[in-house]
Amino acid sequence: MIHISRRSALPEDMSLSDIRLPARETLKRSGIQGDLTVVLTDNRTIQNLNREFRKIDSITDVLSFQSDEIDPQTNIRYLGDIIISVEKANEQAKQNGRSFFNEMTMLIVHGCLHLAGFDHASNEEKESMRRIQEDVLLSLGVANYAWPEDS
């Protein structure tokens, strides 16, 4: 199940289904099963989380917190949380001439790939993750192959 926590509002033309679909597709294509939460927040909150957990005192667009625990009530694997700054996503979309929908979809896919165990610490890992990200986005009809915070 894809849980959504809204601490920041989405534009009227984007629904909760628009959040769940890319998450489901990413998990399917990466062969991972489990539940996760997408938290929609603001710049201040994501900066605080970035500072606390990554020791980087700046605003970012997406953070992923991998859990990989089994929910004792449902016996389903809980993959973790994806935190997205709706504010930052909107800023980046405008700055780079992309739609907000495409920007958010890219961030959801990227965050889900992290929960699925992908990383971009090395060039080889980054290239592998980038290929899967582009494949998922293409399957969703999204022409946004940017890496989060790439210009």
N, C-alpha and C. Protein backbone atom coordinates (compact mmCIF):
# COMPACT_ATOMS: atom_id res chain seq x y z
N MET A 1 0.85 -1.18 0.00
CA MET A 1 0.00 0.00 0.00
C MET A 1 0.89 1.24 0.00
N ILE A 2 0.46 2.22 -0.73
CA ILE A 2 1.17 3.49 -0.80
C ILE A 2 0.39 4.48 0.08
N HIS A 3 0.97 4.83 1.21
CA HIS A 3 0.35 5.79 2.12
C HIS A 3 0.82 7.19 1.72
N ILE A 4 -0.05 8.17 1.88
CA ILE A 4 0.31 9.55 1.56
C ILE A 4 -0.03 10.43 2.75
N SER A 5 0.94 11.21 3.16
CA SER A 5 0.76 12.18 4.23
C SER A 5 0.93 13.56 3.62
N ARG A 6 -0.12 14.37 3.67
CA ARG A 6 -0.06 15.71 3.07
C ARG A 6 0.13 16.76 4.14
N ARG A 7 1.32 17.31 4.18
CA ARG A 7 1.60 18.44 5.06
C ARG A 7 1.68 19.72 4.25
N SER A 8 1.68 19.54 2.93
CA SER A 8 1.60 20.64 1.96
C SER A 8 0.59 20.23 0.90
N ALA A 9 -0.16 21.19 0.44
CA ALA A 9 -1.22 20.90 -0.54
C ALA A 9 -0.64 20.69 -1.93
N LEU A 10 -1.30 19.82 -2.66
CA LEU A 10 -0.99 19.62 -4.08
C LEU A 10 -1.85 20.56 -4.90
N PRO A 11 -1.38 20.93 -6.09
CA PRO A 11 -2.26 21.70 -6.97
C PRO A 11 -3.51 20.89 -7.29
N GLU A 12 -4.57 21.58 -7.63
CA GLU A 12 -5.86 20.92 -7.89
C GLU A 12 -5.81 19.92 -9.03
N ASP A 13 -4.89 20.10 -9.98
CA ASP A 13 -4.84 19.20 -11.13
C ASP A 13 -4.01 17.94 -10.88
N MET A 14 -3.55 17.74 -9.64
CA MET A 14 -2.79 16.53 -9.30
C MET A 14 -3.52 15.82 -8.16
N SER A 15 -3.80 14.53 -8.38
CA SER A 15 -4.56 13.77 -7.40
C SER A 15 -3.65 12.81 -6.62
N LEU A 16 -4.21 12.20 -5.60
CA LEU A 16 -3.47 11.20 -4.83
C LEU A 16 -3.14 9.99 -5.71
N SER A 17 -3.98 9.69 -6.67
CA SER A 17 -3.70 8.61 -7.62
C SER A 17 -2.45 8.92 -8.44
N ASP A 18 -2.25 10.21 -8.73
CA ASP A 18 -1.06 10.63 -9.47
C ASP A 18 0.21 10.43 -8.66
N ILE A 19 0.09 10.32 -7.34
CA ILE A 19 1.22 10.04 -6.46
C ILE A 19 1.44 8.53 -6.37
N ARG A 20 0.35 7.80 -6.24
CA ARG A 20 0.45 6.35 -6.06
C ARG A 20 0.92 5.60 -7.31
N LEU A 21 0.44 6.00 -8.48
CA LEU A 21 0.76 5.29 -9.72
C LEU A 21 2.27 5.18 -9.98
N PRO A 22 3.03 6.29 -9.95
CA PRO A 22 4.47 6.14 -10.21
C PRO A 22 5.18 5.31 -9.13
N ALA A 23 4.70 5.39 -7.90
CA ALA A 23 5.30 4.58 -6.83
C ALA A 23 5.06 3.10 -7.12
N ARG A 24 3.84 2.75 -7.45
CA ARG A 24 3.52 1.34 -7.77
C ARG A 24 4.33 0.84 -8.96
N GLU A 25 4.40 1.65 -10.01
CA GLU A 25 5.11 1.25 -11.22
C GLU A 25 6.60 1.06 -10.94
N THR A 26 7.17 1.93 -10.13
CA THR A 26 8.59 1.83 -9.79
C THR A 26 8.87 0.55 -9.02
N LEU A 27 8.04 0.25 -8.04
CA LEU A 27 8.23 -0.97 -7.25
C LEU A 27 8.08 -2.21 -8.14
N LYS A 28 7.08 -2.17 -9.01
CA LYS A 28 6.85 -3.30 -9.92
C LYS A 28 8.06 -3.54 -10.81
N ARG A 29 8.57 -2.48 -11.43
CA ARG A 29 9.69 -2.61 -12.36
C ARG A 29 11.00 -2.95 -11.66
N SER A 30 11.10 -2.62 -10.37
CA SER A 30 12.33 -2.95 -9.65
C SER A 30 12.22 -4.28 -8.92
N GLY A 31 11.04 -4.92 -9.01
CA GLY A 31 10.85 -6.24 -8.42
C GLY A 31 10.74 -6.23 -6.91
N ILE A 32 10.35 -5.12 -6.34
CA ILE A 32 10.24 -4.98 -4.88
C ILE A 32 8.77 -4.90 -4.49
N GLN A 33 8.42 -5.59 -3.41
CA GLN A 33 7.06 -5.52 -2.89
C GLN A 33 7.09 -4.98 -1.47
N GLY A 34 6.08 -4.20 -1.14
CA GLY A 34 5.98 -3.67 0.21
C GLY A 34 5.21 -2.37 0.24
N ASP A 35 5.03 -1.89 1.45
CA ASP A 35 4.33 -0.63 1.68
C ASP A 35 5.34 0.50 1.84
N LEU A 36 4.88 1.71 1.57
CA LEU A 36 5.72 2.89 1.78
C LEU A 36 4.82 4.08 2.02
N THR A 37 5.43 5.15 2.48
CA THR A 37 4.72 6.40 2.70
C THR A 37 5.39 7.51 1.91
N VAL A 38 4.58 8.30 1.22
CA VAL A 38 5.06 9.51 0.56
C VAL A 38 4.55 10.68 1.39
N VAL A 39 5.49 11.48 1.90
CA VAL A 39 5.15 12.64 2.71
C VAL A 39 5.38 13.89 1.87
N LEU A 40 4.34 14.67 1.69
CA LEU A 40 4.41 15.92 0.93
C LEU A 40 4.56 17.05 1.93
N THR A 41 5.66 17.78 1.82
CA THR A 41 5.96 18.79 2.83
C THR A 41 6.46 20.08 2.20
N ASP A 42 7.04 20.94 3.02
CA ASP A 42 7.52 22.24 2.55
C ASP A 42 9.04 22.33 2.66
N ASN A 43 9.60 23.43 2.18
CA ASN A 43 11.05 23.62 2.18
C ASN A 43 11.65 23.62 3.58
N ARG A 44 11.01 24.29 4.50
CA ARG A 44 11.56 24.38 5.86
C ARG A 44 11.67 23.01 6.51
N THR A 45 10.63 22.20 6.37
CA THR A 45 10.64 20.87 6.98
C THR A 45 11.69 19.98 6.35
N ILE A 46 11.78 19.98 5.03
CA ILE A 46 12.77 19.11 4.38
C ILE A 46 14.19 19.58 4.68
N GLN A 47 14.40 20.88 4.82
CA GLN A 47 15.73 21.38 5.19
C GLN A 47 16.10 20.90 6.59
N ASN A 48 15.15 20.94 7.51
CA ASN A 48 15.40 20.45 8.87
C ASN A 48 15.76 18.97 8.87
N LEU A 49 15.03 18.18 8.08
CA LEU A 49 15.33 16.74 7.99
C LEU A 49 16.69 16.50 7.33
N ASN A 50 17.00 17.25 6.30
CA ASN A 50 18.27 17.13 5.62
C ASN A 50 19.43 17.45 6.57
N ARG A 51 19.24 18.48 7.36
CA ARG A 51 20.26 18.87 8.33
C ARG A 51 20.42 17.80 9.42
N GLU A 52 19.30 17.31 9.93
CA GLU A 52 19.34 16.34 11.03
C GLU A 52 19.90 14.98 10.60
N PHE A 53 19.48 14.48 9.46
CA PHE A 53 19.84 13.12 9.08
C PHE A 53 21.02 13.01 8.12
N ARG A 54 21.28 14.06 7.34
CA ARG A 54 22.38 14.00 6.37
C ARG A 54 23.48 15.00 6.70
N LYS A 55 23.24 15.82 7.71
CA LYS A 55 24.21 16.85 8.12
C LYS A 55 24.47 17.85 7.00
N ILE A 56 23.44 18.08 6.18
CA ILE A 56 23.52 19.06 5.09
C ILE A 56 22.44 20.10 5.35
N ASP A 57 22.85 21.31 5.68
CA ASP A 57 21.91 22.36 6.05
C ASP A 57 21.44 23.13 4.82
N SER A 58 20.66 22.45 3.98
CA SER A 58 20.10 23.13 2.81
C SER A 58 18.80 22.44 2.42
N ILE A 59 18.03 23.17 1.63
CA ILE A 59 16.77 22.64 1.11
C ILE A 59 17.10 21.64 0.02
N THR A 60 16.36 20.54 -0.01
CA THR A 60 16.49 19.56 -1.08
C THR A 60 15.10 19.23 -1.59
N ASP A 61 15.02 18.48 -2.67
CA ASP A 61 13.71 18.18 -3.24
C ASP A 61 13.11 16.88 -2.70
N VAL A 62 13.96 15.85 -2.51
CA VAL A 62 13.44 14.55 -2.08
C VAL A 62 14.45 13.88 -1.16
N LEU A 63 13.92 13.26 -0.12
CA LEU A 63 14.71 12.42 0.79
C LEU A 63 14.02 11.08 0.90
N SER A 64 14.81 10.03 1.02
CA SER A 64 14.26 8.68 1.22
C SER A 64 14.85 8.09 2.49
N PHE A 65 14.00 7.51 3.30
CA PHE A 65 14.42 6.87 4.53
C PHE A 65 13.99 5.41 4.47
N GLN A 66 14.96 4.55 4.17
CA GLN A 66 14.69 3.12 4.01
C GLN A 66 14.43 2.49 5.38
N SER A 67 13.43 1.63 5.44
CA SER A 67 13.08 0.96 6.68
C SER A 67 13.31 -0.54 6.59
N ASP A 68 12.66 -1.17 5.62
CA ASP A 68 12.80 -2.60 5.40
C ASP A 68 12.46 -3.42 6.64
N GLU A 69 11.33 -3.10 7.25
CA GLU A 69 10.84 -3.83 8.41
C GLU A 69 9.56 -4.55 8.03
N ILE A 70 9.18 -5.53 8.82
CA ILE A 70 7.92 -6.24 8.62
C ILE A 70 6.90 -5.67 9.60
N ASP A 71 5.77 -5.24 9.06
CA ASP A 71 4.69 -4.72 9.90
C ASP A 71 4.10 -5.89 10.68
N PRO A 72 4.17 -5.85 12.00
CA PRO A 72 3.68 -6.98 12.79
C PRO A 72 2.17 -7.21 12.69
N GLN A 73 1.42 -6.17 12.33
CA GLN A 73 -0.04 -6.31 12.20
C GLN A 73 -0.45 -6.93 10.86
N THR A 74 0.28 -6.58 9.80
CA THR A 74 -0.11 -7.05 8.47
C THR A 74 0.84 -8.09 7.90
N ASN A 75 2.01 -8.21 8.51
CA ASN A 75 3.06 -9.11 8.03
C ASN A 75 3.58 -8.71 6.64
N ILE A 76 3.41 -7.43 6.31
CA ILE A 76 3.86 -6.90 5.02
C ILE A 76 5.12 -6.06 5.26
N ARG A 77 6.04 -6.17 4.33
CA ARG A 77 7.30 -5.43 4.41
C ARG A 77 7.02 -3.93 4.27
N TYR A 78 7.58 -3.15 5.20
CA TYR A 78 7.48 -1.70 5.11
C TYR A 78 8.81 -1.18 4.58
N LEU A 79 8.79 -0.59 3.39
CA LEU A 79 10.01 -0.17 2.71
C LEU A 79 10.60 1.12 3.27
N GLY A 80 9.73 2.05 3.70
CA GLY A 80 10.22 3.30 4.26
C GLY A 80 9.41 4.50 3.81
N ASP A 81 10.01 5.66 3.97
CA ASP A 81 9.34 6.93 3.70
C ASP A 81 10.08 7.74 2.64
N ILE A 82 9.30 8.39 1.80
CA ILE A 82 9.83 9.34 0.82
C ILE A 82 9.27 10.70 1.21
N ILE A 83 10.16 11.65 1.42
CA ILE A 83 9.75 13.00 1.79
C ILE A 83 10.02 13.90 0.58
N ILE A 84 8.99 14.61 0.13
CA ILE A 84 9.13 15.49 -1.03
C ILE A 84 8.69 16.90 -0.64
N SER A 85 9.54 17.88 -0.95
CA SER A 85 9.15 19.27 -0.77
C SER A 85 8.34 19.69 -1.99
N VAL A 86 7.06 19.89 -1.80
CA VAL A 86 6.18 20.35 -2.87
C VAL A 86 6.63 21.73 -3.35
N GLU A 87 7.06 22.54 -2.39
CA GLU A 87 7.56 23.88 -2.71
C GLU A 87 8.77 23.82 -3.66
N LYS A 88 9.74 22.99 -3.30
CA LYS A 88 10.97 22.85 -4.10
C LYS A 88 10.65 22.25 -5.47
N ALA A 89 9.77 21.26 -5.50
CA ALA A 89 9.38 20.65 -6.77
C ALA A 89 8.76 21.68 -7.70
N ASN A 90 7.91 22.53 -7.16
CA ASN A 90 7.27 23.58 -7.95
C ASN A 90 8.31 24.59 -8.45
N GLU A 91 9.25 24.97 -7.59
CA GLU A 91 10.32 25.90 -7.99
C GLU A 91 11.15 25.31 -9.12
N GLN A 92 11.55 24.04 -8.98
CA GLN A 92 12.39 23.39 -9.99
C GLN A 92 11.65 23.23 -11.31
N ALA A 93 10.37 22.88 -11.23
CA ALA A 93 9.59 22.72 -12.45
C ALA A 93 9.55 24.04 -13.24
N LYS A 94 9.26 25.12 -12.54
CA LYS A 94 9.21 26.44 -13.20
C LYS A 94 10.58 26.84 -13.74
N GLN A 95 11.60 26.64 -12.93
CA GLN A 95 12.96 27.02 -13.30
C GLN A 95 13.45 26.27 -14.53
N ASN A 96 13.06 25.01 -14.67
CA ASN A 96 13.57 24.17 -15.75
C ASN A 96 12.57 23.94 -16.88
N GLY A 97 11.44 24.65 -16.85
CA GLY A 97 10.47 24.55 -17.92
C GLY A 97 9.77 23.21 -18.01
N ARG A 98 9.58 22.57 -16.86
CA ARG A 98 8.87 21.28 -16.83
C ARG A 98 7.55 21.48 -16.10
N SER A 99 6.62 20.56 -16.33
CA SER A 99 5.36 20.64 -15.60
C SER A 99 5.57 20.17 -14.16
N PHE A 100 4.75 20.68 -13.28
CA PHE A 100 4.80 20.25 -11.88
C PHE A 100 4.53 18.75 -11.78
N PHE A 101 3.58 18.27 -12.56
CA PHE A 101 3.25 16.84 -12.58
C PHE A 101 4.47 16.00 -12.92
N ASN A 102 5.19 16.36 -13.98
CA ASN A 102 6.37 15.60 -14.38
C ASN A 102 7.48 15.68 -13.33
N GLU A 103 7.65 16.84 -12.73
CA GLU A 103 8.67 17.00 -11.68
C GLU A 103 8.35 16.11 -10.48
N MET A 104 7.10 16.14 -10.04
CA MET A 104 6.70 15.31 -8.90
C MET A 104 6.83 13.83 -9.23
N THR A 105 6.45 13.44 -10.43
CA THR A 105 6.55 12.04 -10.83
C THR A 105 8.01 11.59 -10.79
N MET A 106 8.91 12.42 -11.31
CA MET A 106 10.34 12.08 -11.29
C MET A 106 10.83 11.91 -9.86
N LEU A 107 10.41 12.80 -8.95
CA LEU A 107 10.87 12.72 -7.57
C LEU A 107 10.32 11.47 -6.86
N ILE A 108 9.09 11.11 -7.16
CA ILE A 108 8.50 9.89 -6.58
C ILE A 108 9.26 8.66 -7.06
N VAL A 109 9.51 8.59 -8.36
CA VAL A 109 10.24 7.45 -8.93
C VAL A 109 11.63 7.37 -8.30
N HIS A 110 12.32 8.49 -8.24
CA HIS A 110 13.67 8.51 -7.68
C HIS A 110 13.66 8.05 -6.22
N GLY A 111 12.73 8.57 -5.44
CA GLY A 111 12.63 8.18 -4.03
C GLY A 111 12.33 6.70 -3.86
N CYS A 112 11.43 6.18 -4.68
CA CYS A 112 11.09 4.75 -4.61
C CYS A 112 12.28 3.87 -4.97
N LEU A 113 13.08 4.31 -5.93
CA LEU A 113 14.26 3.53 -6.30
C LEU A 113 15.24 3.45 -5.12
N HIS A 114 15.35 4.53 -4.37
CA HIS A 114 16.20 4.47 -3.17
C HIS A 114 15.64 3.46 -2.17
N LEU A 115 14.33 3.46 -1.97
CA LEU A 115 13.73 2.49 -1.05
C LEU A 115 13.91 1.06 -1.55
N ALA A 116 14.01 0.90 -2.85
CA ALA A 116 14.22 -0.43 -3.45
C ALA A 116 15.68 -0.86 -3.39
N GLY A 117 16.54 0.01 -2.84
CA GLY A 117 17.94 -0.36 -2.66
C GLY A 117 18.90 0.23 -3.66
N PHE A 118 18.42 1.05 -4.59
CA PHE A 118 19.31 1.67 -5.56
C PHE A 118 19.96 2.91 -4.95
N ASP A 119 21.15 3.22 -5.43
CA ASP A 119 21.88 4.38 -4.93
C ASP A 119 22.68 4.99 -6.08
N HIS A 120 23.29 6.12 -5.80
CA HIS A 120 24.12 6.76 -6.82
C HIS A 120 25.40 7.27 -6.21
N ALA A 121 25.98 6.46 -5.31
CA ALA A 121 27.23 6.83 -4.66
C ALA A 121 28.41 6.72 -5.63
N SER A 122 28.37 5.76 -6.52
CA SER A 122 29.43 5.61 -7.52
C SER A 122 28.85 5.89 -8.90
N ASN A 123 29.71 6.13 -9.87
CA ASN A 123 29.24 6.37 -11.24
C ASN A 123 28.49 5.17 -11.79
N GLU A 124 28.95 3.98 -11.48
CA GLU A 124 28.30 2.76 -11.96
C GLU A 124 26.89 2.62 -11.36
N GLU A 125 26.78 2.86 -10.06
CA GLU A 125 25.46 2.81 -9.40
C GLU A 125 24.54 3.88 -9.96
N LYS A 126 25.09 5.07 -10.15
CA LYS A 126 24.29 6.18 -10.66
C LYS A 126 23.75 5.86 -12.05
N GLU A 127 24.59 5.30 -12.91
CA GLU A 127 24.16 4.98 -14.27
C GLU A 127 23.07 3.91 -14.26
N SER A 128 23.22 2.91 -13.40
CA SER A 128 22.22 1.85 -13.28
C SER A 128 20.88 2.42 -12.79
N MET A 129 20.96 3.26 -11.77
CA MET A 129 19.74 3.87 -11.22
C MET A 129 19.10 4.80 -12.24
N ARG A 130 19.91 5.55 -12.95
CA ARG A 130 19.40 6.49 -13.95
C ARG A 130 18.65 5.74 -15.07
N ARG A 131 19.21 4.61 -15.52
CA ARG A 131 18.56 3.83 -16.58
C ARG A 131 17.18 3.33 -16.13
N ILE A 132 17.09 2.84 -14.92
CA ILE A 132 15.80 2.35 -14.42
C ILE A 132 14.83 3.51 -14.25
N GLN A 133 15.32 4.63 -13.72
CA GLN A 133 14.47 5.81 -13.55
C GLN A 133 13.90 6.26 -14.89
N GLU A 134 14.74 6.34 -15.90
CA GLU A 134 14.29 6.77 -17.22
C GLU A 134 13.28 5.78 -17.80
N ASP A 135 13.51 4.48 -17.60
CA ASP A 135 12.61 3.45 -18.09
C ASP A 135 11.23 3.57 -17.44
N VAL A 136 11.21 3.78 -16.14
CA VAL A 136 9.92 3.93 -15.44
C VAL A 136 9.21 5.19 -15.91
N LEU A 137 9.94 6.30 -15.99
CA LEU A 137 9.32 7.55 -16.44
C LEU A 137 8.76 7.42 -17.85
N LEU A 138 9.52 6.78 -18.74
CA LEU A 138 9.05 6.57 -20.11
C LEU A 138 7.77 5.73 -20.11
N SER A 139 7.71 4.70 -19.28
CA SER A 139 6.51 3.85 -19.21
C SER A 139 5.29 4.62 -18.72
N LEU A 140 5.54 5.69 -17.97
CA LEU A 140 4.46 6.53 -17.44
C LEU A 140 4.14 7.70 -18.37
N GLY A 141 4.87 7.80 -19.47
CA GLY A 141 4.65 8.89 -20.41
C GLY A 141 5.18 10.22 -19.95
N VAL A 142 6.19 10.18 -19.08
CA VAL A 142 6.76 11.39 -18.53
C VAL A 142 8.10 11.66 -19.18
N ALA A 143 8.22 12.80 -19.80
CA ALA A 143 9.47 13.18 -20.46
C ALA A 143 10.29 14.07 -19.54
N ASN A 144 10.68 13.52 -18.42
CA ASN A 144 11.50 14.26 -17.46
C ASN A 144 12.58 13.32 -16.97
N TYR A 145 13.67 13.29 -17.68
CA TYR A 145 14.73 12.36 -17.31
C TYR A 145 15.78 13.01 -16.43
N ALA A 146 15.49 14.18 -15.92
CA ALA A 146 16.46 14.87 -15.06
C ALA A 146 16.67 14.08 -13.78
N TRP A 147 17.83 14.27 -13.25
CA TRP A 147 18.14 13.73 -11.93
C TRP A 147 17.62 14.78 -10.94
N PRO A 148 17.16 14.39 -9.76
CA PRO A 148 16.70 15.40 -8.80
C PRO A 148 17.76 16.50 -8.63
N GLU A 149 17.31 17.71 -8.67
CA GLU A 149 18.11 18.92 -8.53
C GLU A 149 19.12 19.13 -9.65
N ASP A 150 19.01 18.38 -10.76
CA ASP A 150 19.82 18.67 -11.94
C ASP A 150 19.21 19.86 -12.66
N SER A 151 20.04 20.64 -13.26
CA SER A 151 19.51 21.76 -14.04
C SER A 151 19.61 21.46 -15.51
